[in-house]
Amino acid sequence: MDIAQAQKRNFSGFLVHALFLALTLNFIDVNTVVPNMLAEAGGTAFHMGLLSAIMVGGTKFMQLVFAGMIVPLERKKGALLIGIYIRVAALLVMGMFLRTLSGEAMWKVWAIMAVMSIFSFSGAFANISYTDIMGKVILPSHRKRLIVVKQLISSIGVILSALLVKVILSRIAYPNNYSLLFLFAGGLLLLGTIGFWMLIEPRGKATQKNSLSEKISQFWQVLREDADFRKYLFLINTTGVIAAMLPFLILFARQRFQVDGNLTGTFLLVQMVGGLGANIVLNIFSKDQKYRPLIYLFVLISAVTPILALVVPANPKWYAVVFLLSGVSHTLNQILSSGILLEISNDENRAIYTGLSGAGSIMQVLYPLLAGLLVGIIGYTAVFIMSGVYILLGLYTAKTITCSHLTIQA
């Protein structure tokens, strides 16, 4: 098989997985479905903050732990598939467990958090291999196009699945509706592995395993020598915290008006429409590799989203606009977090950079924990305002970041 054929097959493989992954994550959406499910079981803002810290920040931190296991592998496809199969098992276990969810009980809240932690950490294990393989098998000139196209395909697919989620949540009794969502998610993610079996991964250079002290030394060397990587860490530790804040939007809504399964499905659908709209616009107007304008847009939309939640009327129709913006912010976050990391790394250090980016995402662990605690002390208004102001610090990265492998400039 020649290079062009391999490129086409690998491109298609990533798109197949992206579609099924998007469908999967829609059934267990961390911004709408999971927060409302946790609240129904008796969870509080503190529990949501802890779960958000695990699923967003904790997942990235675990990449540092897993990087040392995966970096020495000449081929990483096997590790990628192992991580995905563990995720599938966690979803199926959760789906069966949720049939017993009826009624509030704190042990059920902690059980949900434990299984979702396994799901999230196995995703961190898989993501190390995923990023490394994508960097090796997709040519640099095609990477941003792949990222944007797979986001577009994902957004189209999740519109259909969001409609199904809305139907399931509104027409099937609690807790069977949530159980069915997770069982669907497990089945879809299993189908998504077809895309990874399609990948043709070349054998990489054998890398000797390093001791813990050598790994720490290597990581600190990257931080000292690569200014763009430091700026990338600054971006994900400021503007990137929006990913950890979005689940609180549902909890805040529950204080302003009644949020049932039908309304949760509606918010999810609106969020997906926002993501799809952003992808369509990017596919029409984004014909090059310039990331800086997208960083500016990401920072501003992310800062506005929690503030808007405070000022719109306490009406579901108005509040839906908040989820529309959250969909746009989520899409930009996905494109930028993976796209920039690919461009500031190379085939030799990409797995290291991916692991270090997870370890450096400290605010994505601390911020939701802090927000969950502060909500009970100073309220949602102060926390959301504080979050919006903090996110604006990401403008520093938008203004100053450069890239030696592929210039990121306006």
Protein backbone atom coordinates (compact mmCIF):
# COMPACT_ATOMS: atom_id res chain seq x y z
CA MET A 1 0.00 0.00 0.00
CA ASP A 2 1.47 3.35 -1.06
CA ILE A 3 1.60 6.49 1.08
CA ALA A 4 -1.47 8.10 -0.54
CA GLN A 5 -3.61 5.00 0.08
CA ALA A 6 -2.38 4.71 3.65
CA GLN A 7 -3.17 8.39 4.24
CA LYS A 8 -6.69 7.94 2.90
CA ARG A 9 -7.31 4.85 5.01
CA ASN A 10 -5.94 6.43 8.19
CA PHE A 11 -7.92 9.63 7.55
CA SER A 12 -11.08 7.54 7.19
CA GLY A 13 -10.27 5.49 10.29
CA PHE A 14 -10.03 8.58 12.49
CA LEU A 15 -13.31 9.90 11.08
CA VAL A 16 -15.13 6.59 11.73
CA HIS A 17 -13.99 6.62 15.36
CA ALA A 18 -14.83 10.32 15.73
CA LEU A 19 -18.42 9.72 14.67
CA PHE A 20 -19.05 6.87 17.09
CA LEU A 21 -17.19 8.62 19.91
CA ALA A 22 -19.34 11.72 19.46
CA LEU A 23 -22.47 9.59 19.55
CA THR A 24 -21.18 7.90 22.70
CA LEU A 25 -20.36 11.11 24.54
CA ASN A 26 -23.75 12.55 23.64
CA PHE A 27 -25.51 9.77 25.55
CA ILE A 28 -23.37 10.51 28.62
CA ASP A 29 -22.85 14.23 28.06
CA VAL A 30 -20.84 15.61 30.96
CA ASN A 31 -22.44 19.06 30.68
CA THR A 32 -26.11 18.03 30.79
CA VAL A 33 -26.90 14.32 31.24
CA VAL A 34 -24.32 13.45 33.93
CA PRO A 35 -24.92 16.53 36.15
CA ASN A 36 -28.69 16.02 36.15
CA MET A 37 -28.28 12.27 36.76
CA LEU A 38 -25.95 12.96 39.68
CA ALA A 39 -28.35 15.53 41.13
CA GLU A 40 -31.25 13.07 40.82
CA ALA A 41 -29.22 10.55 42.85
CA GLY A 42 -28.65 13.13 45.59
CA GLY A 43 -25.38 14.69 44.45
CA THR A 44 -24.53 18.31 45.33
CA ALA A 45 -22.39 21.03 43.75
CA PHE A 46 -19.43 19.63 45.69
CA HIS A 47 -19.93 16.17 44.16
CA MET A 48 -20.28 17.72 40.71
CA GLY A 49 -17.10 19.70 41.24
CA LEU A 50 -15.24 16.57 42.30
CA LEU A 51 -16.55 14.55 39.35
CA SER A 52 -15.73 17.38 36.95
CA ALA A 53 -12.22 17.56 38.38
CA ILE A 54 -11.82 13.82 37.76
CA MET A 55 -13.37 13.71 34.28
CA VAL A 56 -11.70 16.86 32.96
CA GLY A 57 -8.56 17.71 34.92
CA GLY A 58 -7.88 14.36 36.55
CA THR A 59 -8.04 12.61 33.20
CA LYS A 60 -5.36 14.88 31.81
CA PHE A 61 -3.18 14.53 34.89
CA MET A 62 -3.29 10.73 34.55
CA GLN A 63 -1.77 11.09 31.08
CA LEU A 64 1.52 11.86 32.85
CA VAL A 65 1.31 8.55 34.69
CA PHE A 66 0.44 6.60 31.57
CA ALA A 67 2.93 8.35 29.28
CA GLY A 68 5.83 6.47 30.86
CA MET A 69 4.13 3.16 30.08
CA ILE A 70 3.25 3.99 26.49
CA VAL A 71 6.18 6.09 25.22
CA PRO A 72 8.61 3.10 24.97
CA LEU A 73 6.21 1.11 22.74
CA GLU A 74 7.23 0.87 19.07
CA ARG A 75 3.57 0.56 18.11
CA LYS A 76 0.83 2.06 20.26
CA LYS A 77 -2.31 0.77 18.55
CA GLY A 78 -2.61 -2.12 21.02
CA ALA A 79 -2.52 0.22 24.00
CA LEU A 80 -5.10 2.42 22.32
CA LEU A 81 -7.52 -0.48 21.88
CA ILE A 82 -7.01 -1.71 25.46
CA GLY A 83 -7.94 1.73 26.79
CA ILE A 84 -11.07 1.87 24.65
CA TYR A 85 -12.24 -1.61 25.66
CA ILE A 86 -11.94 -0.67 29.35
CA ARG A 87 -14.08 2.39 28.64
CA VAL A 88 -16.68 0.19 26.96
CA ALA A 89 -16.79 -2.14 29.98
CA ALA A 90 -17.21 0.82 32.37
CA LEU A 91 -20.15 2.18 30.37
CA LEU A 92 -21.91 -1.19 30.26
CA VAL A 93 -21.41 -1.70 34.01
CA MET A 94 -22.80 1.78 34.65
CA GLY A 95 -25.79 1.08 32.43
CA MET A 96 -26.69 -2.01 34.44
CA PHE A 97 -26.05 -0.31 37.78
CA LEU A 98 -28.28 2.69 36.97
CA ARG A 99 -31.33 0.43 36.96
CA THR A 100 -31.06 0.53 40.77
CA LEU A 101 -30.75 4.33 40.93
CA SER A 102 -34.35 5.07 42.00
CA GLY A 103 -34.29 7.19 45.15
CA GLU A 104 -31.51 9.31 46.61
CA ALA A 105 -28.65 7.52 48.38
CA MET A 106 -25.14 8.77 48.96
CA TRP A 107 -23.55 5.38 48.25
CA LYS A 108 -25.08 5.51 44.77
CA VAL A 109 -23.55 8.94 44.20
CA TRP A 110 -20.10 7.62 45.11
CA ALA A 111 -20.60 4.48 43.02
CA ILE A 112 -21.43 6.63 39.98
CA MET A 113 -18.32 8.70 40.58
CA ALA A 114 -16.14 5.59 40.91
CA VAL A 115 -17.28 4.01 37.64
CA MET A 116 -17.06 7.34 35.78
CA SER A 117 -13.51 7.72 37.11
CA ILE A 118 -12.55 4.37 35.57
CA PHE A 119 -14.17 5.47 32.32
CA SER A 120 -12.27 8.76 32.36
CA PHE A 121 -8.86 7.37 33.34
CA SER A 122 -8.99 4.66 30.68
CA GLY A 123 -9.70 7.46 28.23
CA ALA A 124 -6.52 9.17 29.40
CA PHE A 125 -4.61 5.93 28.78
CA ALA A 126 -6.02 5.71 25.25
CA ASN A 127 -5.46 9.39 24.45
CA ILE A 128 -1.67 9.13 24.77
CA SER A 129 -1.61 6.55 21.99
CA TYR A 130 -4.30 8.35 19.98
CA THR A 131 -2.37 11.63 19.81
CA ASP A 132 0.92 9.90 19.03
CA ILE A 133 -0.57 7.77 16.24
CA MET A 134 -2.36 10.73 14.68
CA GLY A 135 0.87 12.69 14.62
CA LYS A 136 2.71 9.81 12.94
CA VAL A 137 0.20 8.73 10.31
CA ILE A 138 -1.39 12.03 9.25
CA LEU A 139 0.78 14.47 7.30
CA PRO A 140 1.24 17.91 8.92
CA SER A 141 -0.51 19.64 6.00
CA HIS A 142 -3.63 17.52 6.63
CA ARG A 143 -3.85 17.63 10.41
CA LYS A 144 -5.94 20.72 10.97
CA ARG A 145 -8.23 19.66 8.14
CA LEU A 146 -8.71 16.27 9.81
CA ILE A 147 -9.47 17.88 13.17
CA VAL A 148 -12.01 20.29 11.68
CA VAL A 149 -13.66 17.65 9.46
CA LYS A 150 -13.96 15.09 12.25
CA GLN A 151 -15.52 17.77 14.44
CA LEU A 152 -18.02 18.51 11.66
CA ILE A 153 -18.90 14.84 11.14
CA SER A 154 -19.21 14.38 14.89
CA SER A 155 -21.50 17.39 15.21
CA ILE A 156 -23.84 16.16 12.47
CA GLY A 157 -24.06 12.73 14.07
CA VAL A 158 -24.70 14.04 17.56
CA ILE A 159 -27.63 16.14 16.40
CA LEU A 160 -29.42 12.88 15.58
CA SER A 161 -28.29 11.23 18.81
CA ALA A 162 -29.31 14.32 20.81
CA LEU A 163 -32.83 13.90 19.48
CA LEU A 164 -32.76 10.26 20.60
CA VAL A 165 -31.45 11.27 24.02
CA LYS A 166 -34.29 13.76 24.36
CA VAL A 167 -36.85 11.09 23.48
CA ILE A 168 -35.35 8.56 25.92
CA LEU A 169 -35.13 11.03 28.81
CA SER A 170 -38.67 12.33 28.29
CA ARG A 171 -40.56 9.11 27.49
CA ILE A 172 -38.82 6.44 29.56
CA ALA A 173 -39.23 6.48 33.33
CA TYR A 174 -36.36 7.34 35.67
CA PRO A 175 -33.94 5.61 36.28
CA ASN A 176 -34.34 3.29 33.28
CA ASN A 177 -33.84 6.23 30.93
CA TYR A 178 -30.32 6.88 32.21
CA SER A 179 -29.56 3.16 32.22
CA LEU A 180 -30.52 2.87 28.56
CA LEU A 181 -28.36 5.90 27.67
CA PHE A 182 -25.24 4.30 29.13
CA LEU A 183 -25.92 0.92 27.53
CA PHE A 184 -26.31 2.64 24.16
CA ALA A 185 -23.08 4.52 24.80
CA GLY A 186 -21.15 1.33 25.51
CA GLY A 187 -22.40 -0.31 22.33
CA LEU A 188 -21.60 2.72 20.16
CA LEU A 189 -18.10 3.11 21.58
CA LEU A 190 -17.47 -0.57 20.85
CA LEU A 191 -18.44 0.03 17.22
CA GLY A 192 -16.07 3.01 17.18
CA THR A 193 -13.09 0.67 17.56
CA ILE A 194 -13.64 -0.30 13.91
CA GLY A 195 -11.95 2.96 12.99
CA PHE A 196 -8.85 2.10 14.99
CA TRP A 197 -8.58 -1.37 13.46
CA MET A 198 -8.41 0.43 10.09
CA LEU A 199 -5.30 2.40 11.06
CA ILE A 200 -1.95 1.52 9.51
CA GLU A 201 0.65 2.45 12.11
CA PRO A 202 4.33 2.36 11.15
CA ARG A 203 6.79 0.94 13.63
CA GLY A 204 8.33 3.72 15.69
CA LYS A 205 11.75 3.97 17.24
CA ALA A 206 12.29 1.78 20.26
CA THR A 207 12.60 3.90 23.38
CA GLN A 208 14.24 2.76 26.58
CA LYS A 209 12.15 2.99 29.73
CA ASN A 210 13.33 5.73 32.05
CA SER A 211 13.29 5.84 35.83
CA LEU A 212 10.89 8.15 37.60
CA SER A 213 13.65 10.70 38.31
CA GLU A 214 14.69 10.63 34.64
CA LYS A 215 11.09 11.21 33.56
CA ILE A 216 10.70 14.16 35.91
CA SER A 217 14.00 15.60 34.67
CA GLN A 218 12.86 15.17 31.07
CA PHE A 219 9.55 16.88 31.75
CA TRP A 220 11.21 19.83 33.49
CA GLN A 221 13.60 20.17 30.56
CA VAL A 222 10.64 20.55 28.19
CA LEU A 223 9.12 23.22 30.43
CA ARG A 224 12.38 25.17 30.57
CA GLU A 225 13.23 25.00 26.88
CA ASP A 226 9.91 25.27 25.05
CA ALA A 227 8.26 28.66 25.57
CA ASP A 228 5.34 27.76 23.31
CA PHE A 229 4.56 24.72 25.44
CA ARG A 230 4.52 26.91 28.55
CA LYS A 231 2.08 29.24 26.80
CA TYR A 232 -0.04 26.25 25.77
CA LEU A 233 -0.19 25.18 29.42
CA PHE A 234 -1.20 28.71 30.37
CA LEU A 235 -4.07 28.55 27.87
CA ILE A 236 -5.47 25.25 29.13
CA ASN A 237 -5.09 26.39 32.75
CA THR A 238 -7.04 29.61 32.14
CA THR A 239 -9.51 29.46 29.27
CA GLY A 240 -9.47 25.66 29.37
CA VAL A 241 -11.23 25.61 32.73
CA ILE A 242 -14.49 26.35 30.89
CA ALA A 243 -14.69 22.59 30.24
CA ALA A 244 -14.80 22.00 34.00
CA MET A 245 -17.31 24.82 34.57
CA LEU A 246 -19.96 23.80 32.04
CA PRO A 247 -21.51 21.03 34.23
CA PHE A 248 -22.41 23.68 36.81
CA LEU A 249 -24.77 25.32 34.30
CA ILE A 250 -27.33 22.54 34.81
CA LEU A 251 -27.04 22.75 38.60
CA PHE A 252 -27.56 26.53 38.45
CA ALA A 253 -30.57 26.05 36.16
CA ARG A 254 -32.12 23.63 38.67
CA GLN A 255 -32.14 26.48 41.20
CA ARG A 256 -33.97 28.83 38.82
CA PHE A 257 -36.61 26.54 37.30
CA GLN A 258 -37.60 22.89 37.13
CA VAL A 259 -35.23 20.75 35.03
CA ASP A 260 -36.65 17.37 34.03
CA GLY A 261 -35.40 14.78 31.56
CA ASN A 262 -37.15 16.43 28.63
CA LEU A 263 -35.54 19.81 29.33
CA THR A 264 -32.14 18.18 29.85
CA GLY A 265 -32.49 16.64 26.40
CA THR A 266 -33.45 20.02 24.97
CA PHE A 267 -30.39 21.70 26.44
CA LEU A 268 -28.22 18.91 25.06
CA LEU A 269 -29.75 19.35 21.60
CA VAL A 270 -29.17 23.11 21.68
CA GLN A 271 -25.57 22.54 22.77
CA MET A 272 -25.03 20.22 19.82
CA VAL A 273 -26.55 22.77 17.43
CA GLY A 274 -24.04 25.33 18.70
CA GLY A 275 -21.18 22.91 18.10
CA LEU A 276 -22.44 22.02 14.63
CA GLY A 277 -22.85 25.68 13.69
CA ALA A 278 -19.29 26.41 14.81
CA ASN A 279 -17.98 23.50 12.75
CA ILE A 280 -19.84 24.56 9.63
CA VAL A 281 -18.46 28.09 9.89
CA LEU A 282 -14.92 26.80 10.44
CA ASN A 283 -15.15 24.46 7.46
CA ILE A 284 -16.30 27.31 5.24
CA PHE A 285 -13.83 29.95 6.37
CA SER A 286 -10.88 28.00 7.82
CA LYS A 287 -8.77 27.03 4.81
CA ASP A 288 -5.32 27.34 6.41
CA GLN A 289 -3.42 26.45 9.58
CA LYS A 290 -3.91 29.76 11.42
CA TYR A 291 -4.94 29.11 14.99
CA ARG A 292 -4.53 32.55 16.59
CA PRO A 293 -7.96 33.95 15.56
CA LEU A 294 -9.59 30.79 16.93
CA ILE A 295 -7.80 31.23 20.26
CA TYR A 296 -9.14 34.79 20.58
CA LEU A 297 -12.66 33.58 19.75
CA PHE A 298 -12.38 30.69 22.20
CA VAL A 299 -11.27 32.95 25.06
CA LEU A 300 -14.04 35.49 24.54
CA ILE A 301 -16.90 33.00 24.13
CA SER A 302 -15.70 30.97 27.11
CA ALA A 303 -15.58 34.08 29.32
CA VAL A 304 -19.05 35.22 28.25
CA THR A 305 -20.80 31.86 28.80
CA PRO A 306 -20.95 31.78 32.66
CA ILE A 307 -21.74 35.51 32.79
CA LEU A 308 -24.63 35.09 30.36
CA ALA A 309 -26.06 32.35 32.57
CA LEU A 310 -26.46 34.98 35.31
CA VAL A 311 -28.13 37.70 33.25
CA VAL A 312 -30.64 35.84 31.08
CA PRO A 313 -34.22 35.60 32.44
CA ALA A 314 -35.09 32.55 34.56
CA ASN A 315 -36.79 30.90 31.62
CA PRO A 316 -35.70 27.68 29.86
CA LYS A 317 -36.04 29.27 26.40
CA TRP A 318 -33.67 32.10 27.31
CA TYR A 319 -31.34 29.84 29.26
CA ALA A 320 -30.95 27.63 26.18
CA VAL A 321 -28.79 30.40 24.66
CA VAL A 322 -26.19 29.63 27.33
CA PHE A 323 -25.97 26.04 26.11
CA LEU A 324 -25.76 27.26 22.52
CA LEU A 325 -22.59 29.17 23.45
CA SER A 326 -21.31 26.23 25.49
CA GLY A 327 -21.51 24.09 22.34
CA VAL A 328 -19.42 26.61 20.41
CA SER A 329 -16.90 26.84 23.25
CA HIS A 330 -16.66 23.05 23.53
CA THR A 331 -15.98 22.69 19.79
CA LEU A 332 -13.27 25.36 19.80
CA ASN A 333 -11.71 23.78 22.88
CA GLN A 334 -11.52 20.38 21.18
CA ILE A 335 -9.97 21.80 18.01
CA LEU A 336 -7.42 24.00 19.76
CA SER A 337 -6.32 21.66 22.55
CA SER A 338 -5.46 18.86 20.13
CA GLY A 339 -4.44 21.00 17.15
CA ILE A 340 -1.94 23.22 18.93
CA LEU A 341 -0.41 20.27 20.79
CA LEU A 342 0.18 18.48 17.48
CA GLU A 343 1.90 21.51 16.02
CA ILE A 344 4.26 22.29 18.91
CA SER A 345 5.44 18.67 19.13
CA ASN A 346 7.11 16.18 16.80
CA ASP A 347 7.09 12.42 16.29
CA GLU A 348 9.79 11.87 18.93
CA ASN A 349 8.36 13.96 21.76
CA ARG A 350 4.61 13.94 21.08
CA ALA A 351 3.73 11.30 23.68
CA ILE A 352 5.88 13.13 26.26
CA TYR A 353 4.20 16.45 25.43
CA THR A 354 0.76 14.85 25.69
CA GLY A 355 1.57 13.43 29.11
CA LEU A 356 3.10 16.67 30.30
CA SER A 357 0.10 18.67 29.09
CA GLY A 358 -2.05 16.49 31.31
CA ALA A 359 0.20 16.93 34.32
CA GLY A 360 0.31 20.66 33.69
CA SER A 361 -3.49 20.98 33.61
CA ILE A 362 -3.54 21.54 37.35
CA MET A 363 -6.28 24.19 37.31
CA GLN A 364 -8.64 21.82 35.53
CA VAL A 365 -8.40 19.69 38.67
CA LEU A 366 -8.37 22.45 41.29
CA TYR A 367 -10.85 24.88 39.71
CA PRO A 368 -13.96 22.67 39.69
CA LEU A 369 -13.16 21.51 43.24
CA LEU A 370 -12.82 25.12 44.34
CA ALA A 371 -15.96 26.14 42.46
CA GLY A 372 -17.96 23.28 43.99
CA LEU A 373 -16.93 24.38 47.47
CA LEU A 374 -17.40 28.12 46.88
CA VAL A 375 -20.89 27.71 45.42
CA GLY A 376 -22.08 26.63 48.87
CA ILE A 377 -20.35 29.59 50.52
CA ILE A 378 -20.65 32.62 48.19
CA GLY A 379 -23.18 31.35 45.64
CA TYR A 380 -23.27 30.81 41.89
CA THR A 381 -23.24 34.51 40.98
CA ALA A 382 -19.85 35.24 42.53
CA VAL A 383 -18.36 31.98 41.25
CA PHE A 384 -19.54 32.54 37.67
CA ILE A 385 -18.28 36.14 37.61
CA MET A 386 -14.94 35.04 39.03
CA SER A 387 -14.74 32.32 36.38
CA GLY A 388 -15.45 34.70 33.50
CA VAL A 389 -12.74 37.12 34.62
CA TYR A 390 -10.22 34.32 35.16
CA ILE A 391 -10.84 32.84 31.72
CA LEU A 392 -9.94 36.16 30.09
CA LEU A 393 -6.33 35.63 31.17
CA GLY A 394 -6.10 33.26 28.21
CA LEU A 395 -5.81 36.32 25.95
CA TYR A 396 -2.09 36.32 26.81
CA THR A 397 -1.61 33.04 24.95
CA ALA A 398 -3.71 34.20 22.01
CA LYS A 399 -1.41 37.21 21.63
CA THR A 400 2.01 35.65 22.17
CA ILE A 401 2.09 31.99 21.10
CA THR A 402 4.20 31.00 18.08
CA CYS A 403 5.09 27.64 16.60
CA SER A 404 8.38 26.47 15.11
CA HIS A 405 6.85 23.55 13.20
CA LEU A 406 3.93 25.39 11.64
CA THR A 407 3.51 29.11 12.18
CA ILE A 408 0.39 30.05 14.09
CA GLN A 409 -0.22 33.64 13.22
CA ALA A 410 -3.01 35.90 12.05
